[in-house]
PDB file of N, CA and C in Angstrom:
ATOM      1  N   MET A   1       0.804  -1.160  -0.060  1.00  0.00           N
ATOM      2  CA  MET A   1       0.058   0.036  -0.048  1.00  0.00           C
ATOM      3  C   MET A   1       0.913   1.214   0.012  1.00  0.00           C
ATOM      4  N   ILE A   2       0.433   2.341  -0.704  1.00  0.00           N
ATOM      5  CA  ILE A   2       1.150   3.502  -0.819  1.00  0.00           C
ATOM      6  C   ILE A   2       0.217   4.590  -0.358  1.00  0.00           C
ATOM      7  N   LYS A   3       0.805   5.433   0.571  1.00  0.00           N
ATOM      8  CA  LYS A   3       0.041   6.781   1.076  1.00  0.00           C
ATOM      9  C   LYS A   3       0.887   7.974   0.666  1.00  0.00           C
ATOM     10  N   LYS A   4       0.266   9.030   0.208  1.00  0.00           N
ATOM     11  CA  LYS A   4       1.001  10.125  -0.228  1.00  0.00           C
ATOM     12  C   LYS A   4       0.303  11.412   0.419  1.00  0.00           C
ATOM     13  N   SER A   5       1.203  12.336   0.754  1.00  0.00           N
ATOM     14  CA  SER A   5       0.545  13.610   1.107  1.00  0.00           C
ATOM     15  C   SER A   5       1.589  14.752   0.556  1.00  0.00           C
ATOM     16  N   VAL A   6       1.146  15.841   0.088  1.00  0.00           N
ATOM     17  CA  VAL A   6       1.966  16.947  -0.414  1.00  0.00           C
ATOM     18  C   VAL A   6       2.482  17.733   0.633  1.00  0.00           C
ATOM     19  N   LEU A   7       3.836  18.065   0.538  1.00  0.00           N
ATOM     20  CA  LEU A   7       4.492  18.892   1.446  1.00  0.00           C
ATOM     21  C   LEU A   7       4.578  20.341   0.885  1.00  0.00           C
ATOM     22  N   ARG A   8       4.758  21.284   1.639  1.00  0.00           N
ATOM     23  CA  ARG A   8       4.843  22.736   1.199  1.00  0.00           C
ATOM     24  C   ARG A   8       6.089  22.950   0.415  1.00  0.00           C
ATOM     25  N   ASN A   9       7.032  22.088   0.431  1.00  0.00           N
ATOM     26  CA  ASN A   9       8.485  22.451  -0.208  1.00  0.00           C
ATOM     27  C   ASN A   9       8.609  21.821  -1.595  1.00  0.00           C
ATOM     28  N   GLY A  10       7.464  21.451  -2.208  1.00  0.00           N
ATOM     29  CA  GLY A  10       7.585  20.858  -3.542  1.00  0.00           C
ATOM     30  C   GLY A  10       7.846  19.402  -3.588  1.00  0.00           C
ATOM     31  N   GLN A  11       7.676  18.730  -2.438  1.00  0.00           N
ATOM     32  CA  GLN A  11       7.967  17.371  -2.440  1.00  0.00           C
ATOM     33  C   GLN A  11       6.666  16.642  -1.888  1.00  0.00           C
ATOM     34  N   VAL A  12       6.648  15.371  -2.046  1.00  0.00           N
ATOM     35  CA  VAL A  12       5.504  14.526  -1.629  1.00  0.00           C
ATOM     36  C   VAL A  12       6.087  13.499  -0.545  1.00  0.00           C
ATOM     37  N   ARG A  13       5.411  13.457   0.535  1.00  0.00           N
ATOM     38  CA  ARG A  13       5.732  12.418   1.547  1.00  0.00           C
ATOM     39  C   ARG A  13       5.079  11.099   1.181  1.00  0.00           C
ATOM     40  N   VAL A  14       5.747  10.040   0.921  1.00  0.00           N
ATOM     41  CA  VAL A  14       5.275   8.841   0.522  1.00  0.00           C
ATOM     42  C   VAL A  14       5.563   7.711   1.514  1.00  0.00           C
ATOM     43  N   THR A  15       4.556   7.128   1.983  1.00  0.00           N
ATOM     44  CA  THR A  15       4.640   5.907   2.841  1.00  0.00           C
ATOM     45  C   THR A  15       4.416   4.675   2.122  1.00  0.00           C
ATOM     46  N   PHE A  16       5.332   3.774   2.198  1.00  0.00           N
ATOM     47  CA  PHE A  16       5.332   2.422   1.567  1.00  0.00           C
ATOM     48  C   PHE A  16       5.007   1.483   2.711  1.00  0.00           C
ATOM     49  N   GLU A  17       4.066   0.569   2.421  1.00  0.00           N
ATOM     50  CA  GLU A  17       3.670  -0.332   3.493  1.00  0.00           C
ATOM     51  C   GLU A  17       3.542  -1.813   2.893  1.00  0.00           C
ATOM     52  N   LEU A  18       4.064  -2.824   3.589  1.00  0.00           N
ATOM     53  CA  LEU A  18       3.770  -4.145   3.265  1.00  0.00           C
ATOM     54  C   LEU A  18       3.051  -4.809   4.378  1.00  0.00           C
ATOM     55  N   PRO A  19       2.129  -5.666   4.216  1.00  0.00           N
ATOM     56  CA  PRO A  19       1.341  -6.321   5.285  1.00  0.00           C
ATOM     57  C   PRO A  19       2.104  -7.301   6.023  1.00  0.00           C
ATOM     58  N   ALA A  20       1.557  -7.772   7.186  1.00  0.00           N
ATOM     59  CA  ALA A  20       2.210  -8.617   8.053  1.00  0.00           C
ATOM     60  C   ALA A  20       2.418 -10.007   7.510  1.00  0.00           C
ATOM     61  N   ASN A  21       1.573 -10.409   6.514  1.00  0.00           N
ATOM     62  CA  ASN A  21       1.817 -11.747   5.962  1.00  0.00           C
ATOM     63  C   ASN A  21       2.978 -11.832   4.983  1.00  0.00           C
ATOM     64  N   VAL A  22       3.741 -10.772   4.892  1.00  0.00           N
ATOM     65  CA  VAL A  22       4.948 -10.846   4.011  1.00  0.00           C
ATOM     66  C   VAL A  22       6.050 -11.330   5.118  1.00  0.00           C
ATOM     67  N   TRP A  23       6.565 -12.570   4.940  1.00  0.00           N
ATOM     68  CA  TRP A  23       7.539 -13.186   5.780  1.00  0.00           C
ATOM     69  C   TRP A  23       8.859 -12.783   5.332  1.00  0.00           C
ATOM     70  N   ALA A  24       9.632 -12.123   6.173  1.00  0.00           N
ATOM     71  CA  ALA A  24      11.078 -11.686   5.781  1.00  0.00           C
ATOM     72  C   ALA A  24      11.746 -11.386   7.051  1.00  0.00           C
ATOM     73  N   ASP A  25      13.106 -11.484   6.976  1.00  0.00           N
ATOM     74  CA  ASP A  25      13.941 -10.899   8.091  1.00  0.00           C
ATOM     75  C   ASP A  25      14.409  -9.514   7.789  1.00  0.00           C
ATOM     76  N   THR A  26      14.446  -9.148   6.493  1.00  0.00           N
ATOM     77  CA  THR A  26      14.791  -7.812   6.067  1.00  0.00           C
ATOM     78  C   THR A  26      13.911  -7.463   4.867  1.00  0.00           C
ATOM     79  N   VAL A  27      13.570  -6.176   4.815  1.00  0.00           N
ATOM     80  CA  VAL A  27      12.915  -5.695   3.555  1.00  0.00           C
ATOM     81  C   VAL A  27      13.568  -4.323   3.335  1.00  0.00           C
ATOM     82  N   HIS A  28      13.887  -4.179   2.005  1.00  0.00           N
ATOM     83  CA  HIS A  28      14.532  -2.822   1.556  1.00  0.00           C
ATOM     84  C   HIS A  28      13.617  -2.295   0.409  1.00  0.00           C
ATOM     85  N   LEU A  29      13.413  -0.991   0.386  1.00  0.00           N
ATOM     86  CA  LEU A  29      12.689  -0.273  -0.727  1.00  0.00           C
ATOM     87  C   LEU A  29      13.869   0.096  -1.743  1.00  0.00           C
ATOM     88  N   VAL A  30      13.760  -0.384  -2.847  1.00  0.00           N
ATOM     89  CA  VAL A  30      14.768  -0.176  -3.901  1.00  0.00           C
ATOM     90  C   VAL A  30      14.007   0.373  -5.142  1.00  0.00           C
ATOM     91  N   GLY A  31      14.686   1.484  -5.745  1.00  0.00           N
ATOM     92  CA  GLY A  31      13.976   2.082  -6.879  1.00  0.00           C
ATOM     93  C   GLY A  31      14.848   3.111  -7.657  1.00  0.00           C
ATOM     94  N   SER A  32      14.206   3.708  -8.591  1.00  0.00           N
ATOM     95  CA  SER A  32      14.911   4.697  -9.319  1.00  0.00           C
ATOM     96  C   SER A  32      15.364   5.920  -8.609  1.00  0.00           C
ATOM     97  N   PHE A  33      14.538   6.218  -7.484  1.00  0.00           N
ATOM     98  CA  PHE A  33      14.832   7.331  -6.545  1.00  0.00           C
ATOM     99  C   PHE A  33      16.110   7.194  -5.809  1.00  0.00           C
ATOM    100  N   ASN A  34      16.683   5.888  -5.653  1.00  0.00           N
ATOM    101  CA  ASN A  34      17.966   5.773  -5.001  1.00  0.00           C
ATOM    102  C   ASN A  34      18.842   5.047  -5.880  1.00  0.00           C
ATOM    103  N   ALA A  35      18.859   5.080  -7.183  1.00  0.00           N
ATOM    104  CA  ALA A  35      19.688   4.479  -8.149  1.00  0.00           C
ATOM    105  C   ALA A  35      19.764   2.889  -7.992  1.00  0.00           C
ATOM    106  N   TRP A  36      18.577   2.406  -7.541  1.00  0.00           N
ATOM    107  CA  TRP A  36      18.463   0.863  -7.350  1.00  0.00           C
ATOM    108  C   TRP A  36      19.406   0.353  -6.355  1.00  0.00           C
ATOM    109  N   ASN A  37      19.751   1.190  -5.261  1.00  0.00           N
ATOM    110  CA  ASN A  37      20.624   0.822  -4.216  1.00  0.00           C
ATOM    111  C   ASN A  37      19.831  -0.252  -3.323  1.00  0.00           C
ATOM    112  N   ARG A  38      20.473  -1.410  -3.151  1.00  0.00           N
ATOM    113  CA  ARG A  38      19.757  -2.527  -2.428  1.00  0.00           C
ATOM    114  C   ARG A  38      19.694  -2.367  -0.982  1.00  0.00           C
ATOM    115  N   THR A  39      20.457  -1.452  -0.397  1.00  0.00           N
ATOM    116  CA  THR A  39      20.582  -1.323   1.034  1.00  0.00           C
ATOM    117  C   THR A  39      20.210  -0.051   1.641  1.00  0.00           C
ATOM    118  N   SER A  40      20.080   1.069   0.867  1.00  0.00           N
ATOM    119  CA  SER A  40      20.028   2.328   1.395  1.00  0.00           C
ATOM    120  C   SER A  40      18.666   2.800   1.972  1.00  0.00           C
ATOM    121  N   HIS A  41      17.639   1.982   1.735  1.00  0.00           N
ATOM    122  CA  HIS A  41      16.265   2.296   2.418  1.00  0.00           C
ATOM    123  C   HIS A  41      15.697   1.101   3.021  1.00  0.00           C
ATOM    124  N   PRO A  42      16.178   0.733   4.186  1.00  0.00           N
ATOM    125  CA  PRO A  42      15.575  -0.412   4.888  1.00  0.00           C
ATOM    126  C   PRO A  42      14.243   0.023   5.452  1.00  0.00           C
ATOM    127  N   MET A  43      13.322  -0.960   5.347  1.00  0.00           N
ATOM    128  CA  MET A  43      11.897  -0.817   5.965  1.00  0.00           C
ATOM    129  C   MET A  43      11.898  -1.313   7.381  1.00  0.00           C
ATOM    130  N   LYS A  44      11.101  -0.752   8.256  1.00  0.00           N
ATOM    131  CA  LYS A  44      11.076  -1.031   9.563  1.00  0.00           C
ATOM    132  C   LYS A  44       9.823  -2.012   9.763  1.00  0.00           C
ATOM    133  N   GLN A  45      10.044  -3.053  10.584  1.00  0.00           N
ATOM    134  CA  GLN A  45       9.003  -3.848  10.896  1.00  0.00           C
ATOM    135  C   GLN A  45       8.192  -3.399  12.098  1.00  0.00           C
ATOM    136  N   GLN A  46       6.858  -3.389  11.945  1.00  0.00           N
ATOM    137  CA  GLN A  46       6.050  -2.775  12.990  1.00  0.00           C
ATOM    138  C   GLN A  46       5.704  -3.971  14.002  1.00  0.00           C
ATOM    139  N   ARG A  47       5.045  -3.532  15.121  1.00  0.00           N
ATOM    140  CA  ARG A  47       4.662  -4.528  16.017  1.00  0.00           C
ATOM    141  C   ARG A  47       3.604  -5.543  15.459  1.00  0.00           C
ATOM    142  N   SER A  48       2.849  -4.930  14.575  1.00  0.00           N
ATOM    143  CA  SER A  48       1.736  -5.770  13.890  1.00  0.00           C
ATOM    144  C   SER A  48       2.347  -6.738  12.924  1.00  0.00           C
ATOM    145  N   GLY A  49       3.662  -6.738  12.638  1.00  0.00           N
ATOM    146  CA  GLY A  49       4.307  -7.531  11.590  1.00  0.00           C
ATOM    147  C   GLY A  49       4.515  -6.979  10.294  1.00  0.00           C
ATOM    148  N   GLY A  50       3.757  -5.876  10.050  1.00  0.00           N
ATOM    149  CA  GLY A  50       3.863  -5.238   8.769  1.00  0.00           C
ATOM    150  C   GLY A  50       5.174  -4.472   8.695  1.00  0.00           C
ATOM    151  N   TRP A  51       5.502  -4.008   7.424  1.00  0.00           N
ATOM    152  CA  TRP A  51       6.713  -3.281   7.168  1.00  0.00           C
ATOM    153  C   TRP A  51       6.371  -1.854   6.701  1.00  0.00           C
ATOM    154  N   VAL A  52       7.061  -0.792   7.064  1.00  0.00           N
ATOM    155  CA  VAL A  52       6.773   0.494   6.692  1.00  0.00           C
ATOM    156  C   VAL A  52       8.022   1.318   6.473  1.00  0.00           C
ATOM    157  N   LEU A  53       7.896   2.289   5.507  1.00  0.00           N
ATOM    158  CA  LEU A  53       9.027   3.217   5.354  1.00  0.00           C
ATOM    159  C   LEU A  53       8.344   4.534   4.691  1.00  0.00           C
ATOM    160  N   THR A  54       8.729   5.714   5.167  1.00  0.00           N
ATOM    161  CA  THR A  54       8.260   6.977   4.708  1.00  0.00           C
ATOM    162  C   THR A  54       9.459   7.768   4.184  1.00  0.00           C
ATOM    163  N   ILE A  55       9.388   8.229   2.940  1.00  0.00           N
ATOM    164  CA  ILE A  55      10.359   9.008   2.268  1.00  0.00           C
ATOM    165  C   ILE A  55       9.743  10.265   1.587  1.00  0.00           C
ATOM    166  N   ASN A  56      10.515  11.257   1.495  1.00  0.00           N
ATOM    167  CA  ASN A  56      10.117  12.498   0.659  1.00  0.00           C
ATOM    168  C   ASN A  56      10.763  12.344  -0.767  1.00  0.00           C
ATOM    169  N   LEU A  57       9.793  12.501  -1.689  1.00  0.00           N
ATOM    170  CA  LEU A  57      10.175  12.490  -3.172  1.00  0.00           C
ATOM    171  C   LEU A  57       9.749  13.763  -3.855  1.00  0.00           C
ATOM    172  N   PRO A  58      10.432  14.171  -4.898  1.00  0.00           N
ATOM    173  CA  PRO A  58      10.009  15.344  -5.582  1.00  0.00           C
ATOM    174  C   PRO A  58       8.531  15.251  -6.232  1.00  0.00           C
ATOM    175  N   ALA A  59       7.842  16.303  -6.223  1.00  0.00           N
ATOM    176  CA  ALA A  59       6.447  16.231  -6.808  1.00  0.00           C
ATOM    177  C   ALA A  59       6.545  16.124  -8.206  1.00  0.00           C
ATOM    178  N   ASN A  60       5.434  15.610  -8.804  1.00  0.00           N
ATOM    179  CA  ASN A  60       5.111  15.644 -10.218  1.00  0.00           C
ATOM    180  C   ASN A  60       6.056  14.790 -11.012  1.00  0.00           C
ATOM    181  N   GLN A  61       6.582  13.609 -10.390  1.00  0.00           N
ATOM    182  CA  GLN A  61       7.294  12.678 -11.166  1.00  0.00           C
ATOM    183  C   GLN A  61       6.907  11.251 -10.932  1.00  0.00           C
ATOM    184  N   GLU A  62       7.470  10.405 -11.751  1.00  0.00           N
ATOM    185  CA  GLU A  62       7.192   9.022 -11.610  1.00  0.00           C
ATOM    186  C   GLU A  62       8.485   8.313 -11.212  1.00  0.00           C
ATOM    187  N   PHE A  63       8.381   7.307 -10.338  1.00  0.00           N
ATOM    188  CA  PHE A  63       9.416   6.523  -9.795  1.00  0.00           C
ATOM    189  C   PHE A  63       9.193   5.028  -9.923  1.00  0.00           C
ATOM    190  N   GLN A  64      10.070   4.229 -10.477  1.00  0.00           N
ATOM    191  CA  GLN A  64       9.867   2.841 -10.427  1.00  0.00           C
ATOM    192  C   GLN A  64      10.543   2.242  -9.105  1.00  0.00           C
ATOM    193  N   PHE A  65       9.946   1.204  -8.608  1.00  0.00           N
ATOM    194  CA  PHE A  65      10.500   0.616  -7.394  1.00  0.00           C
ATOM    195  C   PHE A  65      10.114  -0.803  -7.235  1.00  0.00           C
ATOM    196  N   ARG A  66      10.727  -1.520  -6.287  1.00  0.00           N
ATOM    197  CA  ARG A  66      10.398  -2.861  -5.904  1.00  0.00           C
ATOM    198  C   ARG A  66      10.848  -3.024  -4.441  1.00  0.00           C
ATOM    199  N   TYR A  67      10.288  -4.087  -3.814  1.00  0.00           N
ATOM    200  CA  TYR A  67      10.739  -4.426  -2.496  1.00  0.00           C
ATOM    201  C   TYR A  67      11.641  -5.614  -2.621  1.00  0.00           C
ATOM    202  N   LEU A  68      12.771  -5.573  -1.967  1.00  0.00           N
ATOM    203  CA  LEU A  68      13.726  -6.637  -1.850  1.00  0.00           C
ATOM    204  C   LEU A  68      13.703  -7.302  -0.442  1.00  0.00           C
ATOM    205  N   LEU A  69      13.270  -8.566  -0.455  1.00  0.00           N
ATOM    206  CA  LEU A  69      13.221  -9.226   0.807  1.00  0.00           C
ATOM    207  C   LEU A  69      14.315 -10.166   0.959  1.00  0.00           C
ATOM    208  N   ASN A  70      14.910 -10.114   2.094  1.00  0.00           N
ATOM    209  CA  ASN A  70      16.069 -10.889   2.471  1.00  0.00           C
ATOM    210  C   ASN A  70      17.200 -10.889   1.544  1.00  0.00           C
ATOM    211  N   GLY A  71      17.432  -9.802   0.764  1.00  0.00           N
ATOM    212  CA  GLY A  71      18.461  -9.574  -0.130  1.00  0.00           C
ATOM    213  C   GLY A  71      18.418 -10.330  -1.392  1.00  0.00           C
ATOM    214  N   THR A  72      17.381 -11.108  -1.676  1.00  0.00           N
ATOM    215  CA  THR A  72      17.288 -12.054  -2.766  1.00  0.00           C
ATOM    216  C   THR A  72      15.879 -12.084  -3.406  1.00  0.00           C
ATOM    217  N   ASP A  73      14.937 -11.834  -2.798  1.00  0.00           N
ATOM    218  CA  ASP A  73      13.500 -11.959  -3.346  1.00  0.00           C
ATOM    219  C   ASP A  73      12.876 -10.659  -3.704  1.00  0.00           C
ATOM    220  N   TRP A  74      12.556 -10.406  -4.974  1.00  0.00           N
ATOM    221  CA  TRP A  74      11.857  -9.161  -5.410  1.00  0.00           C
ATOM    222  C   TRP A  74      10.384  -9.269  -5.376  1.00  0.00           C
ATOM    223  N   HIS A  75       9.707  -8.315  -4.841  1.00  0.00           N
ATOM    224  CA  HIS A  75       8.318  -8.250  -4.852  1.00  0.00           C
ATOM    225  C   HIS A  75       7.813  -6.797  -5.224  1.00  0.00           C
ATOM    226  N   ASN A  76       6.551  -6.881  -5.875  1.00  0.00           N
ATOM    227  CA  ASN A  76       5.932  -5.586  -6.280  1.00  0.00           C
ATOM    228  C   ASN A  76       4.902  -5.131  -5.219  1.00  0.00           C
ATOM    229  N   ASP A  77       4.547  -3.931  -5.369  1.00  0.00           N
ATOM    230  CA  ASP A  77       3.463  -3.414  -4.523  1.00  0.00           C
ATOM    231  C   ASP A  77       2.209  -3.529  -5.477  1.00  0.00           C
ATOM    232  N   TRP A  78       1.219  -4.339  -5.131  1.00  0.00           N
ATOM    233  CA  TRP A  78       0.003  -4.585  -6.037  1.00  0.00           C
ATOM    234  C   TRP A  78      -0.972  -3.419  -5.846  1.00  0.00           C
ATOM    235  N   ALA A  79      -0.632  -2.464  -4.999  1.00  0.00           N
ATOM    236  CA  ALA A  79      -1.458  -1.298  -4.994  1.00  0.00           C
ATOM    237  C   ALA A  79      -0.837  -0.040  -5.527  1.00  0.00           C
ATOM    238  N   ALA A  80       0.245  -0.354  -6.350  1.00  0.00           N
ATOM    239  CA  ALA A  80       1.104   0.808  -6.944  1.00  0.00           C
ATOM    240  C   ALA A  80       0.220   1.585  -7.986  1.00  0.00           C
ATOM    241  N   ASP A  81       0.708   2.765  -8.273  1.00  0.00           N
ATOM    242  CA  ASP A  81       0.067   3.542  -9.222  1.00  0.00           C
ATOM    243  C   ASP A  81       0.052   3.004 -10.732  1.00  0.00           C
ATOM    244  N   GLY A  82       1.089   2.070 -10.941  1.00  0.00           N
ATOM    245  CA  GLY A  82       1.233   1.487 -12.172  1.00  0.00           C
ATOM    246  C   GLY A  82       2.359   0.502 -12.172  1.00  0.00           C
ATOM    247  N   TYR A  83       2.664  -0.021 -13.402  1.00  0.00           N
ATOM    248  CA  TYR A  83       3.666  -1.137 -13.467  1.00  0.00           C
ATOM    249  C   TYR A  83       4.244  -0.877 -14.852  1.00  0.00           C
ATOM    250  N   VAL A  84       5.597  -1.129 -14.941  1.00  0.00           N
ATOM    251  CA  VAL A  84       6.331  -1.092 -16.209  1.00  0.00           C
ATOM    252  C   VAL A  84       7.198  -2.373 -16.368  1.00  0.00           C
ATOM    253  N   ARG A  85       7.442  -2.890 -17.503  1.00  0.00           N
ATOM    254  CA  ARG A  85       8.200  -4.011 -17.732  1.00  0.00           C
ATOM    255  C   ARG A  85       9.697  -3.655 -17.585  1.00  0.00           C
ATOM    256  N   ASN A  86      10.446  -4.544 -16.881  1.00  0.00           N
ATOM    257  CA  ASN A  86      11.814  -4.190 -16.699  1.00  0.00           C
ATOM    258  C   ASN A  86      12.677  -5.104 -17.629  1.00  0.00           C
ATOM    259  N   GLU A  87      13.974  -4.823 -17.609  1.00  0.00           N
ATOM    260  CA  GLU A  87      14.888  -5.591 -18.523  1.00  0.00           C
ATOM    261  C   GLU A  87      15.052  -7.121 -18.109  1.00  0.00           C
ATOM    262  N   TYR A  88      14.533  -7.491 -16.900  1.00  0.00           N
ATOM    263  CA  TYR A  88      14.684  -8.874 -16.509  1.00  0.00           C
ATOM    264  C   TYR A  88      13.415  -9.667 -16.741  1.00  0.00           C
ATOM    265  N   GLY A  89      12.454  -9.179 -17.540  1.00  0.00           N
ATOM    266  CA  GLY A  89      11.332  -9.963 -17.807  1.00  0.00           C
ATOM    267  C   GLY A  89      10.153  -9.829 -16.867  1.00  0.00           C
ATOM    268  N   SER A  90      10.345  -9.065 -15.796  1.00  0.00           N
ATOM    269  CA  SER A  90       9.264  -8.821 -14.796  1.00  0.00           C
ATOM    270  C   SER A  90       8.699  -7.376 -14.842  1.00  0.00           C
ATOM    271  N   ASP A  91       8.036  -7.136 -13.906  1.00  0.00           N
ATOM    272  CA  ASP A  91       7.479  -5.776 -13.802  1.00  0.00           C
ATOM    273  C   ASP A  91       8.100  -4.951 -12.639  1.00  0.00           C
ATOM    274  N   ASN A  92       8.185  -3.613 -12.769  1.00  0.00           N
ATOM    275  CA  ASN A  92       8.567  -2.828 -11.658  1.00  0.00           C
ATOM    276  C   ASN A  92       7.175  -2.078 -11.252  1.00  0.00           C
ATOM    277  N   SER A  93       7.099  -1.836 -10.011  1.00  0.00           N
ATOM    278  CA  SER A  93       5.942  -0.937  -9.610  1.00  0.00           C
ATOM    279  C   SER A  93       6.289   0.455  -9.823  1.00  0.00           C
ATOM    280  N   VAL A  94       5.309   1.246  -9.972  1.00  0.00           N
ATOM    281  CA  VAL A  94       5.451   2.723 -10.231  1.00  0.00           C
ATOM    282  C   VAL A  94       4.687   3.552  -9.153  1.00  0.00           C
ATOM    283  N   VAL A  95       5.266   4.539  -8.659  1.00  0.00           N
ATOM    284  CA  VAL A  95       4.661   5.519  -7.748  1.00  0.00           C
ATOM    285  C   VAL A  95       4.781   6.904  -8.434  1.00  0.00           C
ATOM    286  N   ILE A  96       3.576   7.648  -8.602  1.00  0.00           N
ATOM    287  CA  ILE A  96       3.451   8.865  -9.215  1.00  0.00           C
ATOM    288  C   ILE A  96       3.226   9.908  -8.155  1.00  0.00           C
ATOM    289  N   THR A  97       4.062  11.008  -7.975  1.00  0.00           N
ATOM    290  CA  THR A  97       4.002  11.816  -6.907  1.00  0.00           C
ATOM    291  C   THR A  97       3.168  13.045  -7.143  1.00  0.00           C
ATOM    292  N   THR A  98       2.205  12.917  -7.961  1.00  0.00           N
ATOM    293  CA  THR A  98       1.088  13.871  -8.177  1.00  0.00           C
ATOM    294  C   THR A  98      -0.083  13.434  -7.409  1.00  0.00           C
ATOM    295  N   VAL A  99      -0.611  14.236  -6.453  1.00  0.00           N
ATOM    296  CA  VAL A  99      -1.745  13.852  -5.676  1.00  0.00           C
ATOM    297  C   VAL A  99      -2.761  14.897  -5.879  1.00  0.00           C
ATOM    298  N   ALA A 100      -4.067  14.512  -5.636  1.00  0.00           N
ATOM    299  CA  ALA A 100      -5.224  15.463  -5.825  1.00  0.00           C
ATOM    300  C   ALA A 100      -5.181  16.469  -4.793  1.00  0.00           C
ATOM    301  N   ASP A 101      -5.697  17.671  -5.042  1.00  0.00           N
ATOM    302  CA  ASP A 101      -5.752  18.770  -4.124  1.00  0.00           C
ATOM    303  C   ASP A 101      -6.404  18.385  -2.718  1.00  0.00           C
ATOM    304  N   ASP A 102      -7.442  17.490  -2.785  1.00  0.00           N
ATOM    305  CA  ASP A 102      -8.074  17.086  -1.439  1.00  0.00           C
ATOM    306  C   ASP A 102      -7.320  16.140  -0.647  1.00  0.00           C
ATOM    307  N   GLU A 103      -6.074  15.784  -1.116  1.00  0.00           N
ATOM    308  CA  GLU A 103      -5.255  14.849  -0.272  1.00  0.00           C
ATOM    309  C   GLU A 103      -4.098  15.769   0.362  1.00  0.00           C
ATOM    310  N   ASP A 104      -3.957  17.027   0.110  1.00  0.00           N
ATOM    311  CA  ASP A 104      -3.009  17.859   0.632  1.00  0.00           C
ATOM    312  C   ASP A 104      -3.071  17.899   2.158  1.00  0.00           C
ATOM    313  N   ASP A 105      -1.912  18.230   2.691  1.00  0.00           N
ATOM    314  CA  ASP A 105      -1.794  18.474   4.184  1.00  0.00           C
ATOM    315  C   ASP A 105      -2.401  19.668   4.474  1.00  0.00           C
TER     316      ASP A 105
END
């Protein structure tokens, strides 16, 4: 799941969440916003068992991303704004940082 809110500085606060039924020791958010770095954005496991990470991204852009579980297993966000085919024959999730005016802070 992805939640977005517009910040006053031309950025969008984006919260990425995975449910508790995702079994992993580690989860990292990997995408075009961090040059596909596999370790720079670790997600935190919540008491409920779910995983969450909030980052700020520039407004009015599209970013491709995936979740990397345990350093080996790639997963998409099935509630993403879209999907694009990648060079490995699978899809990347897409988050679009344009939000409707009624979603502003």
